[in-house]
Amino acid sequence: MTTPDLTGIRIIHRAMRGDLHRLVALTEHLAATTPTRAKAIAHFVGRITHTIHQHHTREDEIVWPLIERSAGAAADLSDLTEDHSLLDPLLNEADAAANAFAAGGDAKPLHLALKRLSELLDEHIEEEERRIFPVVLQYVTEKDWADAETKIRKGGDIRFDLCWIGQYATPEEMARIRKMGGPVVALMLALLRPGHRRRQRLIFG
């Protein structure tokens, strides 16, 4: 059995955590800003929270059943599933605080909501990678994992995910992704990257 390639999920985990960390730092001392920038920050928060929700939902629906079928008693996913149920209220709280901020509200509630979300997600992902990745590598076939990733991608936004990949992948990971995705992925990245960078400059300065 060939070992599954976990490059994609490692990058997405890194991106979710990384952008939450950046948003927590940004909002900690954020004073009044322009309406355009406030709306851009709120929109970006919404993109992150939506992606986190989609990610953990597809883990529940696609990845966890695959691991249970492949590993049986070797996989105990109960507490990780419980974490997923705890994430949704925090995601909703962050969305509500972002919308209030975009409407002219204070950044403090947004900062606190993002901080709570970031802390839980950090803890959850660290535990997931420590416990579940070794199980996947030992028990799940390369084909089954690739099939699961294909199903997961169908529910995502490839444009947003590719921008994340371009921002958070290491050079070695990027070379692997270009090899797997071919010229189409390289072309899409080249087309999407300038707009992504403009939005990032508006939000983070």
N, C-alpha and C. Protein backbone atom coordinates (compact mmCIF):
# COMPACT_ATOMS: atom_id res chain seq x y z
N MET A 1 0.84 -1.20 0.00
CA MET A 1 0.00 0.00 0.00
C MET A 1 0.88 1.25 0.00
N THR A 2 0.58 2.19 -0.90
CA THR A 2 1.33 3.44 -0.96
C THR A 2 0.76 4.42 0.06
N THR A 3 1.65 5.18 0.70
CA THR A 3 1.24 6.10 1.76
C THR A 3 0.45 7.27 1.19
N PRO A 4 -0.66 7.66 1.82
CA PRO A 4 -1.42 8.83 1.37
C PRO A 4 -0.56 10.10 1.43
N ASP A 5 -0.85 11.01 0.53
CA ASP A 5 -0.17 12.31 0.51
C ASP A 5 -1.01 13.31 1.29
N LEU A 6 -0.51 13.75 2.44
CA LEU A 6 -1.24 14.67 3.31
C LEU A 6 -0.87 16.13 3.08
N THR A 7 -0.19 16.40 1.97
CA THR A 7 0.25 17.78 1.71
C THR A 7 -0.91 18.76 1.73
N GLY A 8 -2.00 18.42 1.05
CA GLY A 8 -3.12 19.35 0.93
C GLY A 8 -3.73 19.73 2.27
N ILE A 9 -4.01 18.73 3.10
CA ILE A 9 -4.64 19.02 4.39
C ILE A 9 -3.67 19.73 5.33
N ARG A 10 -2.40 19.44 5.24
CA ARG A 10 -1.43 20.15 6.06
C ARG A 10 -1.42 21.64 5.72
N ILE A 11 -1.46 21.97 4.43
CA ILE A 11 -1.44 23.37 4.01
C ILE A 11 -2.72 24.08 4.45
N ILE A 12 -3.87 23.44 4.27
CA ILE A 12 -5.14 24.06 4.66
C ILE A 12 -5.17 24.29 6.17
N HIS A 13 -4.70 23.31 6.95
CA HIS A 13 -4.62 23.51 8.39
C HIS A 13 -3.74 24.72 8.73
N ARG A 14 -2.60 24.79 8.08
CA ARG A 14 -1.65 25.90 8.32
C ARG A 14 -2.28 27.23 7.94
N ALA A 15 -3.04 27.24 6.85
CA ALA A 15 -3.65 28.48 6.37
C ALA A 15 -4.75 28.95 7.31
N MET A 16 -5.61 28.03 7.74
CA MET A 16 -6.68 28.41 8.66
C MET A 16 -6.10 29.01 9.94
N ARG A 17 -5.13 28.32 10.51
CA ARG A 17 -4.52 28.81 11.74
C ARG A 17 -3.78 30.12 11.50
N GLY A 18 -3.03 30.18 10.41
CA GLY A 18 -2.21 31.35 10.13
C GLY A 18 -3.03 32.61 9.95
N ASP A 19 -4.12 32.52 9.18
CA ASP A 19 -4.92 33.71 8.95
C ASP A 19 -5.70 34.12 10.19
N LEU A 20 -6.13 33.16 10.99
CA LEU A 20 -6.75 33.53 12.26
C LEU A 20 -5.76 34.24 13.17
N HIS A 21 -4.53 33.75 13.24
CA HIS A 21 -3.51 34.42 14.05
C HIS A 21 -3.31 35.86 13.58
N ARG A 22 -3.26 36.06 12.26
CA ARG A 22 -3.06 37.40 11.71
C ARG A 22 -4.25 38.31 12.03
N LEU A 23 -5.46 37.76 11.94
CA LEU A 23 -6.65 38.56 12.24
C LEU A 23 -6.73 38.91 13.72
N VAL A 24 -6.34 37.98 14.59
CA VAL A 24 -6.31 38.27 16.03
C VAL A 24 -5.33 39.41 16.31
N ALA A 25 -4.15 39.34 15.72
CA ALA A 25 -3.15 40.39 15.93
C ALA A 25 -3.62 41.73 15.35
N LEU A 26 -4.26 41.69 14.19
CA LEU A 26 -4.74 42.91 13.55
C LEU A 26 -5.79 43.62 14.39
N THR A 27 -6.75 42.86 14.92
CA THR A 27 -7.89 43.47 15.61
C THR A 27 -7.61 43.84 17.06
N GLU A 28 -6.46 43.39 17.59
CA GLU A 28 -6.19 43.65 19.01
C GLU A 28 -6.08 45.13 19.31
N HIS A 29 -5.44 45.89 18.43
CA HIS A 29 -5.25 47.32 18.67
C HIS A 29 -5.81 48.16 17.52
N LEU A 30 -6.78 47.60 16.81
CA LEU A 30 -7.32 48.30 15.64
C LEU A 30 -8.25 49.43 16.08
N ALA A 31 -7.89 50.64 15.70
CA ALA A 31 -8.73 51.79 15.99
C ALA A 31 -9.69 52.01 14.80
N ALA A 32 -10.24 53.18 14.72
CA ALA A 32 -11.15 53.48 13.62
C ALA A 32 -10.44 53.33 12.29
N THR A 33 -11.15 52.80 11.31
CA THR A 33 -10.58 52.61 9.99
C THR A 33 -11.60 53.02 8.96
N THR A 34 -11.26 52.97 7.70
CA THR A 34 -12.19 53.38 6.65
C THR A 34 -13.29 52.34 6.49
N PRO A 35 -14.47 52.77 6.04
CA PRO A 35 -15.55 51.80 5.78
C PRO A 35 -15.14 50.73 4.79
N THR A 36 -14.36 51.10 3.80
CA THR A 36 -13.92 50.12 2.79
C THR A 36 -13.06 49.04 3.42
N ARG A 37 -12.12 49.47 4.27
CA ARG A 37 -11.26 48.49 4.92
C ARG A 37 -12.04 47.64 5.92
N ALA A 38 -12.95 48.26 6.67
CA ALA A 38 -13.75 47.52 7.64
C ALA A 38 -14.58 46.44 6.95
N LYS A 39 -15.16 46.79 5.81
CA LYS A 39 -15.94 45.81 5.06
C LYS A 39 -15.05 44.70 4.50
N ALA A 40 -13.85 45.06 4.07
CA ALA A 40 -12.92 44.05 3.56
C ALA A 40 -12.51 43.08 4.67
N ILE A 41 -12.25 43.61 5.87
CA ILE A 41 -11.90 42.75 7.00
C ILE A 41 -13.06 41.82 7.32
N ALA A 42 -14.28 42.36 7.38
CA ALA A 42 -15.45 41.55 7.71
C ALA A 42 -15.68 40.47 6.65
N HIS A 43 -15.51 40.83 5.39
CA HIS A 43 -15.68 39.85 4.31
C HIS A 43 -14.65 38.74 4.44
N PHE A 44 -13.42 39.10 4.76
CA PHE A 44 -12.35 38.11 4.88
C PHE A 44 -12.62 37.19 6.07
N VAL A 45 -13.07 37.76 7.18
CA VAL A 45 -13.45 36.92 8.33
C VAL A 45 -14.52 35.92 7.90
N GLY A 46 -15.50 36.39 7.14
CA GLY A 46 -16.55 35.50 6.67
C GLY A 46 -16.04 34.39 5.78
N ARG A 47 -15.06 34.70 4.94
CA ARG A 47 -14.46 33.67 4.09
C ARG A 47 -13.76 32.61 4.94
N ILE A 48 -13.04 33.07 5.96
CA ILE A 48 -12.30 32.14 6.82
C ILE A 48 -13.28 31.26 7.60
N THR A 49 -14.28 31.88 8.21
CA THR A 49 -15.22 31.09 9.01
C THR A 49 -15.99 30.09 8.14
N HIS A 50 -16.37 30.51 6.94
CA HIS A 50 -17.07 29.59 6.03
C HIS A 50 -16.18 28.41 5.67
N THR A 51 -14.93 28.68 5.39
CA THR A 51 -14.00 27.61 5.00
C THR A 51 -13.76 26.66 6.17
N ILE A 52 -13.63 27.19 7.38
CA ILE A 52 -13.44 26.32 8.55
C ILE A 52 -14.66 25.43 8.74
N HIS A 53 -15.85 26.03 8.61
CA HIS A 53 -17.08 25.23 8.74
C HIS A 53 -17.13 24.14 7.68
N GLN A 54 -16.83 24.49 6.44
CA GLN A 54 -16.85 23.49 5.36
C GLN A 54 -15.82 22.39 5.63
N HIS A 55 -14.67 22.78 6.13
CA HIS A 55 -13.60 21.81 6.38
C HIS A 55 -14.01 20.79 7.43
N HIS A 56 -14.51 21.26 8.57
CA HIS A 56 -14.83 20.30 9.63
C HIS A 56 -16.10 19.50 9.28
N THR A 57 -17.01 20.10 8.50
CA THR A 57 -18.20 19.35 8.07
C THR A 57 -17.80 18.21 7.15
N ARG A 58 -16.88 18.46 6.25
CA ARG A 58 -16.44 17.40 5.34
C ARG A 58 -15.56 16.36 6.03
N GLU A 59 -14.89 16.76 7.08
CA GLU A 59 -14.22 15.75 7.91
C GLU A 59 -15.25 14.81 8.52
N ASP A 60 -16.32 15.37 9.07
CA ASP A 60 -17.38 14.54 9.67
C ASP A 60 -18.04 13.63 8.64
N GLU A 61 -18.28 14.17 7.45
CA GLU A 61 -19.05 13.44 6.44
C GLU A 61 -18.22 12.49 5.58
N ILE A 62 -16.95 12.84 5.37
CA ILE A 62 -16.12 12.09 4.41
C ILE A 62 -14.90 11.45 5.07
N VAL A 63 -14.12 12.25 5.81
CA VAL A 63 -12.83 11.76 6.31
C VAL A 63 -13.01 10.82 7.50
N TRP A 64 -13.82 11.21 8.47
CA TRP A 64 -13.99 10.35 9.65
C TRP A 64 -14.55 8.96 9.27
N PRO A 65 -15.60 8.87 8.44
CA PRO A 65 -16.08 7.53 8.05
C PRO A 65 -15.01 6.71 7.32
N LEU A 66 -14.20 7.37 6.50
CA LEU A 66 -13.11 6.66 5.81
C LEU A 66 -12.12 6.10 6.82
N ILE A 67 -11.74 6.90 7.80
CA ILE A 67 -10.78 6.44 8.80
C ILE A 67 -11.38 5.30 9.62
N GLU A 68 -12.64 5.42 9.99
CA GLU A 68 -13.28 4.35 10.79
C GLU A 68 -13.37 3.05 10.00
N ARG A 69 -13.67 3.14 8.70
CA ARG A 69 -13.72 1.93 7.87
C ARG A 69 -12.33 1.31 7.73
N SER A 70 -11.32 2.15 7.62
CA SER A 70 -9.97 1.66 7.34
C SER A 70 -9.24 1.19 8.58
N ALA A 71 -9.43 1.91 9.69
CA ALA A 71 -8.63 1.65 10.89
C ALA A 71 -9.39 0.93 12.00
N GLY A 72 -10.72 0.95 11.95
CA GLY A 72 -11.50 0.26 12.98
C GLY A 72 -11.22 0.79 14.36
N ALA A 73 -10.92 -0.11 15.29
CA ALA A 73 -10.72 0.25 16.70
C ALA A 73 -9.48 1.11 16.92
N ALA A 74 -8.59 1.18 15.92
CA ALA A 74 -7.37 1.98 16.08
C ALA A 74 -7.67 3.48 16.05
N ALA A 75 -8.86 3.84 15.62
CA ALA A 75 -9.22 5.27 15.52
C ALA A 75 -10.32 5.62 16.50
N ASP A 76 -10.03 6.53 17.42
CA ASP A 76 -11.04 7.06 18.34
C ASP A 76 -11.23 8.54 18.02
N LEU A 77 -12.35 8.85 17.38
CA LEU A 77 -12.58 10.19 16.88
C LEU A 77 -13.59 10.97 17.72
N SER A 78 -14.02 10.40 18.83
CA SER A 78 -15.14 10.98 19.57
C SER A 78 -14.86 12.40 20.05
N ASP A 79 -13.70 12.62 20.66
CA ASP A 79 -13.43 13.96 21.20
C ASP A 79 -13.17 14.98 20.10
N LEU A 80 -12.61 14.52 18.97
CA LEU A 80 -12.39 15.43 17.85
C LEU A 80 -13.72 15.84 17.23
N THR A 81 -14.66 14.91 17.18
CA THR A 81 -16.00 15.24 16.69
C THR A 81 -16.68 16.23 17.63
N GLU A 82 -16.47 16.06 18.91
CA GLU A 82 -17.03 17.00 19.89
C GLU A 82 -16.46 18.40 19.68
N ASP A 83 -15.17 18.50 19.36
CA ASP A 83 -14.57 19.80 19.06
C ASP A 83 -15.30 20.48 17.90
N HIS A 84 -15.67 19.69 16.90
CA HIS A 84 -16.37 20.25 15.75
C HIS A 84 -17.68 20.91 16.18
N SER A 85 -18.38 20.27 17.10
CA SER A 85 -19.65 20.85 17.57
C SER A 85 -19.42 22.13 18.37
N LEU A 86 -18.24 22.25 18.99
CA LEU A 86 -17.92 23.46 19.73
C LEU A 86 -17.49 24.61 18.82
N LEU A 87 -16.99 24.26 17.64
CA LEU A 87 -16.51 25.29 16.72
C LEU A 87 -17.64 26.15 16.16
N ASP A 88 -18.77 25.53 15.84
CA ASP A 88 -19.83 26.26 15.13
C ASP A 88 -20.32 27.50 15.88
N PRO A 89 -20.59 27.42 17.20
CA PRO A 89 -21.00 28.65 17.90
C PRO A 89 -19.94 29.75 17.85
N LEU A 90 -18.66 29.35 17.89
CA LEU A 90 -17.59 30.35 17.81
C LEU A 90 -17.50 30.95 16.41
N LEU A 91 -17.74 30.14 15.39
CA LEU A 91 -17.76 30.65 14.02
C LEU A 91 -18.90 31.66 13.85
N ASN A 92 -20.07 31.33 14.40
CA ASN A 92 -21.21 32.24 14.32
C ASN A 92 -20.94 33.54 15.08
N GLU A 93 -20.29 33.43 16.22
CA GLU A 93 -19.95 34.60 17.01
C GLU A 93 -19.00 35.52 16.25
N ALA A 94 -18.00 34.92 15.60
CA ALA A 94 -17.04 35.71 14.82
C ALA A 94 -17.74 36.40 13.65
N ASP A 95 -18.64 35.70 12.98
CA ASP A 95 -19.38 36.31 11.87
C ASP A 95 -20.21 37.50 12.34
N ALA A 96 -20.92 37.32 13.45
CA ALA A 96 -21.76 38.40 13.96
C ALA A 96 -20.91 39.62 14.36
N ALA A 97 -19.78 39.37 15.00
CA ALA A 97 -18.90 40.46 15.41
C ALA A 97 -18.30 41.17 14.20
N ALA A 98 -17.97 40.41 13.15
CA ALA A 98 -17.42 41.00 11.93
C ALA A 98 -18.45 41.89 11.24
N ASN A 99 -19.70 41.42 11.18
CA ASN A 99 -20.75 42.22 10.57
C ASN A 99 -20.99 43.51 11.35
N ALA A 100 -20.96 43.42 12.68
CA ALA A 100 -21.14 44.60 13.51
C ALA A 100 -19.99 45.59 13.31
N PHE A 101 -18.78 45.07 13.18
CA PHE A 101 -17.62 45.92 12.94
C PHE A 101 -17.74 46.63 11.59
N ALA A 102 -18.18 45.90 10.56
CA ALA A 102 -18.33 46.50 9.24
C ALA A 102 -19.39 47.59 9.23
N ALA A 103 -20.35 47.47 10.14
CA ALA A 103 -21.42 48.47 10.24
C ALA A 103 -21.03 49.67 11.09
N GLY A 104 -19.77 49.71 11.52
CA GLY A 104 -19.28 50.85 12.29
C GLY A 104 -19.02 50.57 13.75
N GLY A 105 -19.11 49.32 14.15
CA GLY A 105 -18.90 48.97 15.55
C GLY A 105 -17.44 48.91 15.94
N ASP A 106 -17.22 48.64 17.21
CA ASP A 106 -15.88 48.55 17.78
C ASP A 106 -15.22 47.23 17.39
N ALA A 107 -13.89 47.25 17.30
CA ALA A 107 -13.16 46.05 16.90
C ALA A 107 -12.95 45.08 18.07
N LYS A 108 -13.16 45.52 19.30
CA LYS A 108 -12.86 44.68 20.46
C LYS A 108 -13.67 43.38 20.48
N PRO A 109 -15.00 43.43 20.28
CA PRO A 109 -15.75 42.16 20.25
C PRO A 109 -15.27 41.22 19.15
N LEU A 110 -14.89 41.78 18.00
CA LEU A 110 -14.37 40.95 16.91
C LEU A 110 -13.05 40.31 17.33
N HIS A 111 -12.20 41.08 17.97
CA HIS A 111 -10.92 40.53 18.43
C HIS A 111 -11.14 39.38 19.41
N LEU A 112 -12.02 39.56 20.37
CA LEU A 112 -12.25 38.52 21.38
C LEU A 112 -12.86 37.27 20.75
N ALA A 113 -13.78 37.44 19.80
CA ALA A 113 -14.39 36.29 19.13
C ALA A 113 -13.36 35.53 18.32
N LEU A 114 -12.52 36.25 17.59
CA LEU A 114 -11.48 35.61 16.79
C LEU A 114 -10.45 34.91 17.68
N LYS A 115 -10.13 35.51 18.82
CA LYS A 115 -9.16 34.91 19.73
C LYS A 115 -9.67 33.58 20.28
N ARG A 116 -10.95 33.55 20.69
CA ARG A 116 -11.53 32.30 21.20
C ARG A 116 -11.54 31.23 20.10
N LEU A 117 -11.93 31.63 18.91
CA LEU A 117 -11.96 30.68 17.79
C LEU A 117 -10.57 30.17 17.47
N SER A 118 -9.61 31.06 17.42
CA SER A 118 -8.23 30.69 17.09
C SER A 118 -7.65 29.72 18.11
N GLU A 119 -7.90 29.97 19.38
CA GLU A 119 -7.35 29.10 20.43
C GLU A 119 -7.93 27.69 20.34
N LEU A 120 -9.23 27.57 20.11
CA LEU A 120 -9.83 26.24 19.99
C LEU A 120 -9.33 25.53 18.73
N LEU A 121 -9.25 26.27 17.62
CA LEU A 121 -8.80 25.65 16.38
C LEU A 121 -7.35 25.19 16.48
N ASP A 122 -6.50 26.00 17.11
CA ASP A 122 -5.11 25.59 17.31
C ASP A 122 -5.04 24.27 18.07
N GLU A 123 -5.75 24.21 19.17
CA GLU A 123 -5.73 23.00 20.00
C GLU A 123 -6.28 21.80 19.22
N HIS A 124 -7.37 22.01 18.50
CA HIS A 124 -8.00 20.92 17.76
C HIS A 124 -7.08 20.38 16.66
N ILE A 125 -6.50 21.28 15.87
CA ILE A 125 -5.66 20.84 14.75
C ILE A 125 -4.39 20.17 15.24
N GLU A 126 -3.80 20.70 16.30
CA GLU A 126 -2.59 20.06 16.84
C GLU A 126 -2.89 18.64 17.30
N GLU A 127 -4.03 18.45 17.95
CA GLU A 127 -4.41 17.12 18.41
C GLU A 127 -4.75 16.21 17.23
N GLU A 128 -5.45 16.75 16.25
CA GLU A 128 -5.81 15.97 15.07
C GLU A 128 -4.57 15.49 14.32
N GLU A 129 -3.63 16.38 14.11
CA GLU A 129 -2.44 15.99 13.37
C GLU A 129 -1.58 15.02 14.17
N ARG A 130 -1.53 15.19 15.48
CA ARG A 130 -0.73 14.29 16.32
C ARG A 130 -1.32 12.89 16.36
N ARG A 131 -2.64 12.78 16.47
CA ARG A 131 -3.27 11.47 16.66
C ARG A 131 -3.78 10.83 15.38
N ILE A 132 -4.36 11.63 14.49
CA ILE A 132 -5.06 11.07 13.35
C ILE A 132 -4.17 10.89 12.13
N PHE A 133 -3.24 11.80 11.90
CA PHE A 133 -2.39 11.66 10.72
C PHE A 133 -1.62 10.33 10.72
N PRO A 134 -1.04 9.92 11.85
CA PRO A 134 -0.36 8.61 11.83
C PRO A 134 -1.31 7.45 11.50
N VAL A 135 -2.56 7.54 11.96
CA VAL A 135 -3.54 6.49 11.65
C VAL A 135 -3.84 6.47 10.16
N VAL A 136 -4.01 7.66 9.56
CA VAL A 136 -4.26 7.74 8.12
C VAL A 136 -3.09 7.13 7.35
N LEU A 137 -1.89 7.50 7.73
CA LEU A 137 -0.70 7.00 7.03
C LEU A 137 -0.55 5.48 7.15
N GLN A 138 -1.00 4.93 8.26
CA GLN A 138 -0.84 3.49 8.48
C GLN A 138 -1.97 2.67 7.84
N TYR A 139 -3.19 3.18 7.88
CA TYR A 139 -4.34 2.32 7.53
C TYR A 139 -5.07 2.71 6.25
N VAL A 140 -5.00 3.97 5.83
CA VAL A 140 -5.78 4.42 4.67
C VAL A 140 -4.93 4.29 3.41
N THR A 141 -5.53 3.79 2.33
CA THR A 141 -4.78 3.63 1.09
C THR A 141 -4.63 4.98 0.39
N GLU A 142 -3.63 5.06 -0.46
CA GLU A 142 -3.39 6.29 -1.22
C GLU A 142 -4.62 6.62 -2.08
N LYS A 143 -5.21 5.62 -2.71
CA LYS A 143 -6.36 5.85 -3.58
C LYS A 143 -7.57 6.34 -2.79
N ASP A 144 -7.85 5.71 -1.64
CA ASP A 144 -8.99 6.13 -0.84
C ASP A 144 -8.84 7.56 -0.35
N TRP A 145 -7.62 7.92 0.04
CA TRP A 145 -7.38 9.28 0.50
C TRP A 145 -7.53 10.27 -0.65
N ALA A 146 -7.01 9.93 -1.81
CA ALA A 146 -7.13 10.82 -2.98
C ALA A 146 -8.60 10.98 -3.37
N ASP A 147 -9.37 9.90 -3.31
CA ASP A 147 -10.80 9.98 -3.62
C ASP A 147 -11.52 10.89 -2.63
N ALA A 148 -11.15 10.78 -1.35
CA ALA A 148 -11.76 11.63 -0.32
C ALA A 148 -11.43 13.10 -0.57
N GLU A 149 -10.19 13.39 -0.94
CA GLU A 149 -9.81 14.77 -1.21
C GLU A 149 -10.56 15.34 -2.41
N THR A 150 -10.80 14.49 -3.42
CA THR A 150 -11.58 14.93 -4.58
C THR A 150 -13.00 15.33 -4.17
N LYS A 151 -13.62 14.52 -3.31
CA LYS A 151 -14.97 14.84 -2.82
C LYS A 151 -14.96 16.13 -2.01
N ILE A 152 -13.93 16.31 -1.20
CA ILE A 152 -13.84 17.51 -0.36
C ILE A 152 -13.70 18.76 -1.23
N ARG A 153 -12.89 18.69 -2.27
CA ARG A 153 -12.66 19.85 -3.13
C ARG A 153 -13.94 20.30 -3.84
N LYS A 154 -14.85 19.36 -4.12
CA LYS A 154 -16.09 19.71 -4.81
C LYS A 154 -16.95 20.67 -4.00
N GLY A 155 -16.78 20.68 -2.70
CA GLY A 155 -17.58 21.56 -1.86
C GLY A 155 -16.88 22.86 -1.52
N GLY A 156 -15.67 23.05 -2.01
CA GLY A 156 -14.91 24.24 -1.64
C GLY A 156 -14.92 25.30 -2.74
N ASP A 157 -14.15 26.35 -2.52
CA ASP A 157 -13.97 27.42 -3.50
C ASP A 157 -12.53 27.35 -3.96
N ILE A 158 -12.32 26.78 -5.14
CA ILE A 158 -10.96 26.51 -5.62
C ILE A 158 -10.15 27.79 -5.72
N ARG A 159 -10.82 28.91 -6.04
CA ARG A 159 -10.08 30.18 -6.18
C ARG A 159 -9.51 30.62 -4.84
N PHE A 160 -10.33 30.53 -3.80
CA PHE A 160 -9.87 30.92 -2.47
C PHE A 160 -8.81 29.95 -1.96
N ASP A 161 -9.06 28.65 -2.15
CA ASP A 161 -8.12 27.64 -1.66
C ASP A 161 -6.77 27.74 -2.36
N LEU A 162 -6.78 28.03 -3.66
CA LEU A 162 -5.52 28.16 -4.38
C LEU A 162 -4.72 29.36 -3.89
N CYS A 163 -5.40 30.45 -3.56
CA CYS A 163 -4.69 31.60 -3.01
C CYS A 163 -4.05 31.25 -1.67
N TRP A 164 -4.78 30.49 -0.86
CA TRP A 164 -4.20 30.01 0.40
C TRP A 164 -2.97 29.16 0.15
N ILE A 165 -3.09 28.24 -0.80
CA ILE A 165 -1.97 27.35 -1.11
C ILE A 165 -0.76 28.17 -1.53
N GLY A 166 -0.99 29.14 -2.41
CA GLY A 166 0.12 29.97 -2.87
C GLY A 166 0.76 30.77 -1.75
N GLN A 167 -0.03 31.10 -0.72
CA GLN A 167 0.49 31.91 0.39
C GLN A 167 1.19 31.07 1.45
N TYR A 168 0.66 29.86 1.72
CA TYR A 168 1.13 29.09 2.87
C TYR A 168 1.94 27.84 2.55
N ALA A 169 2.00 27.44 1.29
CA ALA A 169 2.79 26.25 0.95
C ALA A 169 4.28 26.57 0.97
N THR A 170 5.08 25.61 1.41
CA THR A 170 6.52 25.73 1.31
C THR A 170 6.93 25.56 -0.16
N PRO A 171 8.13 25.95 -0.54
CA PRO A 171 8.57 25.72 -1.92
C PRO A 171 8.48 24.24 -2.33
N GLU A 172 8.84 23.34 -1.42
CA GLU A 172 8.78 21.91 -1.73
C GLU A 172 7.33 21.47 -1.94
N GLU A 173 6.42 21.95 -1.09
CA GLU A 173 5.00 21.62 -1.25
C GLU A 173 4.45 22.22 -2.54
N MET A 174 4.87 23.44 -2.86
CA MET A 174 4.40 24.08 -4.08
C MET A 174 4.84 23.32 -5.30
N ALA A 175 6.06 22.81 -5.29
CA ALA A 175 6.56 22.03 -6.42
C ALA A 175 5.73 20.75 -6.59
N ARG A 176 5.37 20.13 -5.48
CA ARG A 176 4.56 18.90 -5.53
C ARG A 176 3.17 19.21 -6.07
N ILE A 177 2.59 20.33 -5.64
CA ILE A 177 1.25 20.69 -6.10
C ILE A 177 1.26 21.02 -7.59
N ARG A 178 2.28 21.74 -8.04
CA ARG A 178 2.37 22.05 -9.47
C ARG A 178 2.52 20.77 -10.29
N LYS A 179 3.26 19.83 -9.76
CA LYS A 179 3.44 18.56 -10.48
C LYS A 179 2.13 17.79 -10.55
N MET A 180 1.38 17.78 -9.45
CA MET A 180 0.11 17.06 -9.41
C MET A 180 -0.96 17.77 -10.24
N GLY A 181 -1.00 19.10 -10.15
CA GLY A 181 -2.08 19.85 -10.79
C GLY A 181 -1.82 20.22 -12.23
N GLY A 182 -0.56 20.23 -12.62
CA GLY A 182 -0.23 20.54 -13.99
C GLY A 182 -0.32 22.02 -14.31
N PRO A 183 -0.29 22.36 -15.59
CA PRO A 183 -0.23 23.78 -16.00
C PRO A 183 -1.49 24.57 -15.64
N VAL A 184 -2.63 23.90 -15.51
CA VAL A 184 -3.87 24.63 -15.18
C VAL A 184 -3.75 25.27 -13.80
N VAL A 185 -3.23 24.51 -12.83
CA VAL A 185 -3.08 25.05 -11.47
C VAL A 185 -2.09 26.21 -11.48
N ALA A 186 -0.98 26.05 -12.19
CA ALA A 186 0.01 27.12 -12.26
C ALA A 186 -0.58 28.37 -12.89
N LEU A 187 -1.39 28.21 -13.93
CA LEU A 187 -2.01 29.35 -14.60
C LEU A 187 -3.02 30.04 -13.69
N MET A 188 -3.85 29.25 -13.00
CA MET A 188 -4.85 29.84 -12.11
C MET A 188 -4.18 30.61 -10.98
N LEU A 189 -3.10 30.05 -10.44
CA LEU A 189 -2.37 30.75 -9.37
C LEU A 189 -1.83 32.08 -9.86
N ALA A 190 -1.27 32.07 -11.05
CA ALA A 190 -0.71 33.30 -11.61
C ALA A 190 -1.79 34.35 -11.82
N LEU A 191 -2.99 33.93 -12.21
CA LEU A 191 -4.08 34.86 -12.45
C LEU A 191 -4.70 35.39 -11.15
N LEU A 192 -4.78 34.51 -10.15
CA LEU A 192 -5.46 34.87 -8.90
C LEU A 192 -4.57 35.62 -7.92
N ARG A 193 -3.28 35.39 -7.98
CA ARG A 193 -2.38 35.92 -6.95
C ARG A 193 -2.40 37.46 -6.85
N PRO A 194 -2.39 38.22 -7.96
CA PRO A 194 -2.38 39.69 -7.82
C PRO A 194 -3.59 40.23 -7.06
N GLY A 195 -4.79 39.74 -7.37
CA GLY A 195 -5.98 40.19 -6.66
C GLY A 195 -5.95 39.82 -5.19
N HIS A 196 -5.46 38.62 -4.91
CA HIS A 196 -5.35 38.18 -3.51
C HIS A 196 -4.40 39.10 -2.75
N ARG A 197 -3.29 39.45 -3.36
CA ARG A 197 -2.31 40.31 -2.68
C ARG A 197 -2.87 41.71 -2.46
N ARG A 198 -3.65 42.23 -3.41
CA ARG A 198 -4.27 43.55 -3.21
C ARG A 198 -5.22 43.53 -2.03
N ARG A 199 -6.03 42.49 -1.94
CA ARG A 199 -6.98 42.38 -0.82
C ARG A 199 -6.24 42.24 0.50
N GLN A 200 -5.14 41.50 0.50
CA GLN A 200 -4.37 41.33 1.73
C GLN A 200 -3.75 42.64 2.18
N ARG A 201 -3.27 43.44 1.23
CA ARG A 201 -2.68 44.74 1.58
C ARG A 201 -3.75 45.67 2.16
N LEU A 202 -4.95 45.65 1.58
CA LEU A 202 -6.03 46.48 2.11
C LEU A 202 -6.38 46.10 3.54
N ILE A 203 -6.41 44.80 3.81
CA ILE A 203 -6.81 44.32 5.14
C ILE A 203 -5.70 44.49 6.16
N PHE A 204 -4.50 44.01 5.82
CA PHE A 204 -3.43 43.93 6.81
C PHE A 204 -2.40 45.06 6.69
N GLY A 205 -2.48 45.83 5.63
CA GLY A 205 -1.55 46.94 5.46
C GLY A 205 -0.23 46.55 4.83
